[in-house]
C-alpha atoms as a PDB file:
ATOM      1  CA  UNK A   1      13.879  15.725   4.029  1.00  0.00           C
ATOM      2  CA  UNK A   2      13.296  11.958   3.341  1.00  0.00           C
ATOM      3  CA  UNK A   3      10.011  12.055   5.179  1.00  0.00           C
ATOM      4  CA  UNK A   4       8.838  14.952   2.874  1.00  0.00           C
ATOM      5  CA  UNK A   5       9.871  13.055  -0.196  1.00  0.00           C
ATOM      6  CA  UNK A   6       7.940  10.064   0.861  1.00  0.00           C
ATOM      7  CA  UNK A   7       4.897  12.267   1.680  1.00  0.00           C
ATOM      8  CA  UNK A   8       5.053  13.762  -1.740  1.00  0.00           C
ATOM      9  CA  UNK A   9       5.355  10.372  -3.423  1.00  0.00           C
ATOM     10  CA  UNK A  10       2.176   9.229  -1.584  1.00  0.00           C
ATOM     11  CA  UNK A  11       0.287  12.448  -2.450  1.00  0.00           C
ATOM     12  CA  UNK A  12       1.416  11.965  -6.029  1.00  0.00           C
ATOM     13  CA  UNK A  13      -0.036   8.412  -6.054  1.00  0.00           C
ATOM     14  CA  UNK A  14      -3.246   9.740  -4.684  1.00  0.00           C
ATOM     15  CA  UNK A  15      -3.469  12.516  -7.276  1.00  0.00           C
ATOM     16  CA  UNK A  16      -2.486  10.186 -10.130  1.00  0.00           C
ATOM     17  CA  UNK A  17      -6.010   8.811 -10.382  1.00  0.00           C
ATOM     18  CA  UNK A  18      -9.368   9.525  -9.080  1.00  0.00           C
ATOM     19  CA  UNK A  19      -9.688   5.869  -8.195  1.00  0.00           C
ATOM     20  CA  UNK A  20      -7.010   6.130  -5.350  1.00  0.00           C
ATOM     21  CA  UNK A  21      -8.629   7.561  -2.182  1.00  0.00           C
ATOM     22  CA  UNK A  22      -5.730   7.158   0.267  1.00  0.00           C
ATOM     23  CA  UNK A  23      -2.244   5.664   0.760  1.00  0.00           C
ATOM     24  CA  UNK A  24       0.247   4.979   3.393  1.00  0.00           C
ATOM     25  CA  UNK A  25       3.765   3.572   3.777  1.00  0.00           C
ATOM     26  CA  UNK A  26       4.197   1.236   6.597  1.00  0.00           C
ATOM     27  CA  UNK A  27       7.305  -0.491   8.070  1.00  0.00           C
ATOM     28  CA  UNK A  28       7.111  -4.362   8.012  1.00  0.00           C
ATOM     29  CA  UNK A  29       6.922  -4.239  11.779  1.00  0.00           C
ATOM     30  CA  UNK A  30       3.623  -2.213  11.418  1.00  0.00           C
ATOM     31  CA  UNK A  31       4.776   1.368  12.124  1.00  0.00           C
ATOM     32  CA  UNK A  32       3.529   4.246   9.957  1.00  0.00           C
ATOM     33  CA  UNK A  33       6.391   5.796   7.969  1.00  0.00           C
ATOM     34  CA  UNK A  34       4.306   8.287   5.984  1.00  0.00           C
ATOM     35  CA  UNK A  35       0.659   8.646   5.015  1.00  0.00           C
ATOM     36  CA  UNK A  36      -1.723  10.477   2.769  1.00  0.00           C
ATOM     37  CA  UNK A  37      -4.947   9.346   4.596  1.00  0.00           C
ATOM     38  CA  UNK A  38      -8.137  11.250   5.456  1.00  0.00           C
ATOM     39  CA  UNK A  39      -8.517  12.531   8.936  1.00  0.00           C
ATOM     40  CA  UNK A  40      -9.938  10.183  11.485  1.00  0.00           C
ATOM     41  CA  UNK A  41      -8.241   7.055  10.255  1.00  0.00           C
ATOM     42  CA  UNK A  42      -6.455   5.170  13.053  1.00  0.00           C
ATOM     43  CA  UNK A  43      -2.960   4.952  11.546  1.00  0.00           C
ATOM     44  CA  UNK A  44      -1.732   2.623  14.244  1.00  0.00           C
ATOM     45  CA  UNK A  45      -4.296   0.043  13.493  1.00  0.00           C
ATOM     46  CA  UNK A  46      -3.826   0.458   9.766  1.00  0.00           C
ATOM     47  CA  UNK A  47      -0.090  -0.076  10.136  1.00  0.00           C
ATOM     48  CA  UNK A  48      -0.470  -3.262  12.251  1.00  0.00           C
ATOM     49  CA  UNK A  49      -3.137  -4.704  10.048  1.00  0.00           C
ATOM     50  CA  UNK A  50      -1.275  -3.993   6.777  1.00  0.00           C
ATOM     51  CA  UNK A  51       1.954  -5.511   8.042  1.00  0.00           C
ATOM     52  CA  UNK A  52       0.157  -8.628   9.315  1.00  0.00           C
ATOM     53  CA  UNK A  53      -1.754  -9.156   6.168  1.00  0.00           C
ATOM     54  CA  UNK A  54       1.335  -8.708   3.893  1.00  0.00           C
ATOM     55  CA  UNK A  55       3.238 -11.218   5.993  1.00  0.00           C
ATOM     56  CA  UNK A  56       0.408 -13.695   5.813  1.00  0.00           C
ATOM     57  CA  UNK A  57       0.064 -13.173   2.073  1.00  0.00           C
ATOM     58  CA  UNK A  58       3.668 -13.891   1.542  1.00  0.00           C
ATOM     59  CA  UNK A  59       3.442 -17.184   3.637  1.00  0.00           C
ATOM     60  CA  UNK A  60       0.296 -18.187   1.724  1.00  0.00           C
ATOM     61  CA  UNK A  61       1.835 -17.584  -1.694  1.00  0.00           C
ATOM     62  CA  UNK A  62       4.875 -19.569  -0.771  1.00  0.00           C
ATOM     63  CA  UNK A  63       3.079 -22.475   0.908  1.00  0.00           C
ATOM     64  CA  UNK A  64       0.609 -22.772  -1.976  1.00  0.00           C
ATOM     65  CA  UNK A  65       3.308 -22.672  -4.690  1.00  0.00           C
ATOM     66  CA  UNK A  66       2.216 -19.286  -6.172  1.00  0.00           C
ATOM     67  CA  UNK A  67       5.680 -17.712  -6.213  1.00  0.00           C
ATOM     68  CA  UNK A  68       6.772 -14.417  -4.765  1.00  0.00           C
ATOM     69  CA  UNK A  69       3.810 -12.347  -3.535  1.00  0.00           C
ATOM     70  CA  UNK A  70       2.934  -9.322  -5.711  1.00  0.00           C
ATOM     71  CA  UNK A  71       0.056  -7.791  -3.767  1.00  0.00           C
ATOM     72  CA  UNK A  72      -2.693  -8.411  -1.220  1.00  0.00           C
ATOM     73  CA  UNK A  73      -6.168  -7.418  -2.311  1.00  0.00           C
ATOM     74  CA  UNK A  74      -9.082  -7.022   0.082  1.00  0.00           C
ATOM     75  CA  UNK A  75     -12.400  -6.163  -1.581  1.00  0.00           C
ATOM     76  CA  UNK A  76     -15.255  -4.773   0.440  1.00  0.00           C
ATOM     77  CA  UNK A  77     -18.606  -3.325  -0.717  1.00  0.00           C
ATOM     78  CA  UNK A  78     -17.167   0.204  -0.428  1.00  0.00           C
ATOM     79  CA  UNK A  79     -13.863  -0.397  -2.305  1.00  0.00           C
ATOM     80  CA  UNK A  80     -10.575  -2.046  -2.152  1.00  0.00           C
ATOM     81  CA  UNK A  81      -7.564  -2.174   0.200  1.00  0.00           C
ATOM     82  CA  UNK A  82      -4.451  -3.120  -1.850  1.00  0.00           C
ATOM     83  CA  UNK A  83      -1.085  -3.902  -0.145  1.00  0.00           C
ATOM     84  CA  UNK A  84       2.087  -4.238  -1.929  1.00  0.00           C
ATOM     85  CA  UNK A  85       5.842  -4.503  -0.823  1.00  0.00           C
ATOM     86  CA  UNK A  86       7.797  -1.277  -1.148  1.00  0.00           C
ATOM     87  CA  UNK A  87      11.371  -2.712  -1.035  1.00  0.00           C
ATOM     88  CA  UNK A  88      12.123  -5.288   1.629  1.00  0.00           C
ATOM     89  CA  UNK A  89      11.392  -3.024   4.612  1.00  0.00           C
ATOM     90  CA  UNK A  90       7.948  -1.507   3.924  1.00  0.00           C
ATOM     91  CA  UNK A  91       4.346  -2.041   2.827  1.00  0.00           C
ATOM     92  CA  UNK A  92       2.387   0.403   0.550  1.00  0.00           C
ATOM     93  CA  UNK A  93      -1.219   0.266   1.486  1.00  0.00           C
ATOM     94  CA  UNK A  94      -3.724   1.897  -0.876  1.00  0.00           C
ATOM     95  CA  UNK A  95      -7.511   2.477  -0.562  1.00  0.00           C
ATOM     96  CA  UNK A  96      -9.319   2.495  -3.996  1.00  0.00           C
ATOM     97  CA  UNK A  97     -12.910   3.194  -4.863  1.00  0.00           C
ATOM     98  CA  UNK A  98     -15.345   0.280  -5.765  1.00  0.00           C
ATOM     99  CA  UNK A  99     -15.458   1.433  -9.397  1.00  0.00           C
ATOM    100  CA  UNK A 100     -11.563   1.504  -9.634  1.00  0.00           C
ATOM    101  CA  UNK A 101     -10.020   0.222 -12.803  1.00  0.00           C
ATOM    102  CA  UNK A 102      -7.710  -2.286 -10.984  1.00  0.00           C
ATOM    103  CA  UNK A 103      -5.247  -2.756 -13.823  1.00  0.00           C
ATOM    104  CA  UNK A 104      -4.400   0.910 -13.923  1.00  0.00           C
ATOM    105  CA  UNK A 105      -4.455   1.093 -10.084  1.00  0.00           C
ATOM    106  CA  UNK A 106      -1.989  -1.826  -9.895  1.00  0.00           C
ATOM    107  CA  UNK A 107       0.379  -0.131 -12.435  1.00  0.00           C
ATOM    108  CA  UNK A 108       0.334   3.194 -10.393  1.00  0.00           C
ATOM    109  CA  UNK A 109       0.930   1.210  -7.167  1.00  0.00           C
ATOM    110  CA  UNK A 110       3.835  -0.609  -8.787  1.00  0.00           C
ATOM    111  CA  UNK A 111       5.480   2.591  -9.961  1.00  0.00           C
ATOM    112  CA  UNK A 112       4.914   4.325  -6.517  1.00  0.00           C
ATOM    113  CA  UNK A 113       6.296   1.293  -4.540  1.00  0.00           C
ATOM    114  CA  UNK A 114       9.476   1.344  -6.715  1.00  0.00           C
ATOM    115  CA  UNK A 115       9.876   5.095  -6.159  1.00  0.00           C
ATOM    116  CA  UNK A 116       9.150   4.880  -2.499  1.00  0.00           C
ATOM    117  CA  UNK A 117      11.665   1.968  -2.026  1.00  0.00           C
ATOM    118  CA  UNK A 118      14.380   4.038  -3.659  1.00  0.00           C
ATOM    119  CA  UNK A 119      13.686   7.025  -1.261  1.00  0.00           C
ATOM    120  CA  UNK A 120      13.911   4.601   1.662  1.00  0.00           C
END
């Protein structure tokens, strides 16, 4: 039941804007909880990388006096990977198009992260 709610929340995020291509909810130890990713993506690797990057981002923000981490953004020539905490136990990872309007995507991610953390 809960897994289905998480799945629906991710699919809702993906449908909320054409800028979001895929999303996944990952435990802080790197295990996939739920995902709305295209076929052929290695969920185990995505999970491990997302958890590691979020952890590193939190440490970096703290060490450099930037306060509490809001998100980790990776920009590549074919788009963005955006990671945000979803509660204290999970990471929301989102793939967005290179043309994405980031302000709107960040808002959608924030809303989705809050909804997902309540389901968890």
